Amino acid sequence: MDICGIIALIVNVAAAGVLIPHRSGDANARAVWLFSRNDAIGNIAVIVAAGLVAWTETPWPDLVVAALIAGLFLQSSWSIIKDARTELRTPAR
């Protein structure tokens, strides 16, 4: 689990790095940035949870991390919806 998490983290950090200049763009660009950022954060959390599960020999760290990641994605999705609604109300130039 750690090896897959580390490989995914490297890929997601690279993707997020490429998207940094576009994170303040339109709703679509911001959404892609948030997805990449959240995936990188999720990868770090999964790596930490895997270590804690192995150390404590209980599933609780994995369950806590899953809830935190779900909260992060819910917050980001709300932000994307807000941005998209704002863009829909803004007249085209």
C-alpha atoms as a PDB file:
ATOM      1  CA  MET A   1       0.000   0.000   0.000  1.00  0.00           C
ATOM      2  CA  ASP A   2       2.852   2.368   0.809  1.00  0.00           C
ATOM      3  CA  ILE A   3       4.592   1.805  -2.529  1.00  0.00           C
ATOM      4  CA  CYS A   4       1.418   2.471  -4.529  1.00  0.00           C
ATOM      5  CA  GLY A   5       0.704   5.523  -2.356  1.00  0.00           C
ATOM      6  CA  ILE A   6       4.192   6.926  -2.932  1.00  0.00           C
ATOM      7  CA  ILE A   7       4.008   6.404  -6.706  1.00  0.00           C
ATOM      8  CA  ALA A   8       0.560   8.024  -6.827  1.00  0.00           C
ATOM      9  CA  LEU A   9       1.823  10.895  -4.662  1.00  0.00           C
ATOM     10  CA  ILE A  10       4.700  11.594  -7.060  1.00  0.00           C
ATOM     11  CA  VAL A  11       2.337  11.644 -10.049  1.00  0.00           C
ATOM     12  CA  ASN A  12      -0.252  13.825  -8.305  1.00  0.00           C
ATOM     13  CA  VAL A  13       2.319  16.311  -6.991  1.00  0.00           C
ATOM     14  CA  ALA A  14       3.718  16.627 -10.526  1.00  0.00           C
ATOM     15  CA  ALA A  15       0.220  17.199 -11.932  1.00  0.00           C
ATOM     16  CA  ALA A  16      -0.625  19.728  -9.217  1.00  0.00           C
ATOM     17  CA  GLY A  17       2.680  21.518  -9.836  1.00  0.00           C
ATOM     18  CA  VAL A  18       1.838  21.966 -13.496  1.00  0.00           C
ATOM     19  CA  LEU A  19      -1.595  23.337 -12.566  1.00  0.00           C
ATOM     20  CA  ILE A  20      -0.477  25.873  -9.942  1.00  0.00           C
ATOM     21  CA  PRO A  21      -0.508  28.829 -12.385  1.00  0.00           C
ATOM     22  CA  HIS A  22      -4.116  27.989 -13.351  1.00  0.00           C
ATOM     23  CA  ARG A  23      -5.586  27.543  -9.863  1.00  0.00           C
ATOM     24  CA  SER A  24      -7.138  31.012  -9.961  1.00  0.00           C
ATOM     25  CA  GLY A  25      -8.585  30.607 -13.448  1.00  0.00           C
ATOM     26  CA  ASP A  26     -12.124  29.773 -14.438  1.00  0.00           C
ATOM     27  CA  ALA A  27     -14.229  27.157 -12.638  1.00  0.00           C
ATOM     28  CA  ASN A  28     -12.932  24.314 -14.816  1.00  0.00           C
ATOM     29  CA  ALA A  29      -9.265  25.144 -14.231  1.00  0.00           C
ATOM     30  CA  ARG A  30      -9.864  25.580 -10.510  1.00  0.00           C
ATOM     31  CA  ALA A  31     -11.707  22.243 -10.367  1.00  0.00           C
ATOM     32  CA  VAL A  32      -8.822  20.400 -12.024  1.00  0.00           C
ATOM     33  CA  TRP A  33      -6.377  22.077  -9.622  1.00  0.00           C
ATOM     34  CA  LEU A  34      -8.502  21.078  -6.614  1.00  0.00           C
ATOM     35  CA  PHE A  35      -8.810  17.475  -7.841  1.00  0.00           C
ATOM     36  CA  SER A  36      -5.043  17.165  -8.219  1.00  0.00           C
ATOM     37  CA  ARG A  37      -4.356  18.854  -4.888  1.00  0.00           C
ATOM     38  CA  ASN A  38      -6.884  16.651  -3.108  1.00  0.00           C
ATOM     39  CA  ASP A  39      -5.449  13.517  -4.685  1.00  0.00           C
ATOM     40  CA  ALA A  40      -1.955  14.447  -3.455  1.00  0.00           C
ATOM     41  CA  ILE A  41      -3.280  15.153   0.051  1.00  0.00           C
ATOM     42  CA  GLY A  42      -5.189  11.868  -0.067  1.00  0.00           C
ATOM     43  CA  ASN A  43      -2.032  10.009  -1.077  1.00  0.00           C
ATOM     44  CA  ILE A  44      -0.145  11.425   1.905  1.00  0.00           C
ATOM     45  CA  ALA A  45      -3.043  10.529   4.200  1.00  0.00           C
ATOM     46  CA  VAL A  46      -3.189   6.959   2.845  1.00  0.00           C
ATOM     47  CA  ILE A  47       0.554   6.496   3.389  1.00  0.00           C
ATOM     48  CA  VAL A  48       0.247   7.756   6.973  1.00  0.00           C
ATOM     49  CA  ALA A  49      -2.842   5.609   7.599  1.00  0.00           C
ATOM     50  CA  ALA A  50      -1.098   2.507   6.253  1.00  0.00           C
ATOM     51  CA  GLY A  51       1.753   3.067   8.690  1.00  0.00           C
ATOM     52  CA  LEU A  52      -0.611   3.670  11.592  1.00  0.00           C
ATOM     53  CA  VAL A  53      -2.716   0.605  10.767  1.00  0.00           C
ATOM     54  CA  ALA A  54       0.438  -1.534  10.705  1.00  0.00           C
ATOM     55  CA  TRP A  55       1.683   0.001  13.953  1.00  0.00           C
ATOM     56  CA  THR A  56      -1.596  -0.095  15.907  1.00  0.00           C
ATOM     57  CA  GLU A  57      -2.964  -3.266  14.253  1.00  0.00           C
ATOM     58  CA  THR A  58      -6.423  -1.684  14.166  1.00  0.00           C
ATOM     59  CA  PRO A  59      -8.519  -0.318  11.286  1.00  0.00           C
ATOM     60  CA  TRP A  60      -9.242   2.995  13.049  1.00  0.00           C
ATOM     61  CA  PRO A  61      -6.512   5.086  11.394  1.00  0.00           C
ATOM     62  CA  ASP A  62      -7.797   4.019   7.977  1.00  0.00           C
ATOM     63  CA  LEU A  63     -11.377   4.866   8.910  1.00  0.00           C
ATOM     64  CA  VAL A  64     -10.420   8.283  10.291  1.00  0.00           C
ATOM     65  CA  VAL A  65      -8.369   9.123   7.197  1.00  0.00           C
ATOM     66  CA  ALA A  66     -11.225   7.996   4.940  1.00  0.00           C
ATOM     67  CA  ALA A  67     -13.608  10.356   6.753  1.00  0.00           C
ATOM     68  CA  LEU A  68     -11.134  13.252   6.519  1.00  0.00           C
ATOM     69  CA  ILE A  69     -10.575  12.671   2.806  1.00  0.00           C
ATOM     70  CA  ALA A  70     -14.343  12.524   2.238  1.00  0.00           C
ATOM     71  CA  GLY A  71     -14.699  15.842   4.069  1.00  0.00           C
ATOM     72  CA  LEU A  72     -11.940  17.403   1.972  1.00  0.00           C
ATOM     73  CA  PHE A  73     -13.609  16.316  -1.257  1.00  0.00           C
ATOM     74  CA  LEU A  74     -17.019  17.526  -0.075  1.00  0.00           C
ATOM     75  CA  GLN A  75     -15.554  20.938   0.787  1.00  0.00           C
ATOM     76  CA  SER A  76     -13.832  21.143  -2.593  1.00  0.00           C
ATOM     77  CA  SER A  77     -16.949  20.088  -4.466  1.00  0.00           C
ATOM     78  CA  TRP A  78     -18.940  22.802  -2.703  1.00  0.00           C
ATOM     79  CA  SER A  79     -16.284  25.337  -3.696  1.00  0.00           C
ATOM     80  CA  ILE A  80     -16.439  24.190  -7.333  1.00  0.00           C
ATOM     81  CA  ILE A  81     -20.228  24.455  -7.377  1.00  0.00           C
ATOM     82  CA  LYS A  82     -20.021  27.976  -5.916  1.00  0.00           C
ATOM     83  CA  ASP A  83     -17.439  29.022  -8.544  1.00  0.00           C
ATOM     84  CA  ALA A  84     -19.506  27.567 -11.375  1.00  0.00           C
ATOM     85  CA  ARG A  85     -22.678  29.288 -10.182  1.00  0.00           C
ATOM     86  CA  THR A  86     -20.803  32.600  -9.987  1.00  0.00           C
ATOM     87  CA  GLU A  87     -19.539  32.155 -13.547  1.00  0.00           C
ATOM     88  CA  LEU A  88     -23.044  31.324 -14.766  1.00  0.00           C
ATOM     89  CA  ARG A  89     -24.329  34.624 -13.308  1.00  0.00           C
ATOM     90  CA  THR A  90     -21.476  36.683 -14.783  1.00  0.00           C
ATOM     91  CA  PRO A  91     -22.329  38.077 -18.236  1.00  0.00           C
ATOM     92  CA  ALA A  92     -20.110  36.941 -21.111  1.00  0.00           C
ATOM     93  CA  ARG A  93     -17.556  39.472 -22.304  1.00  0.00           C
END
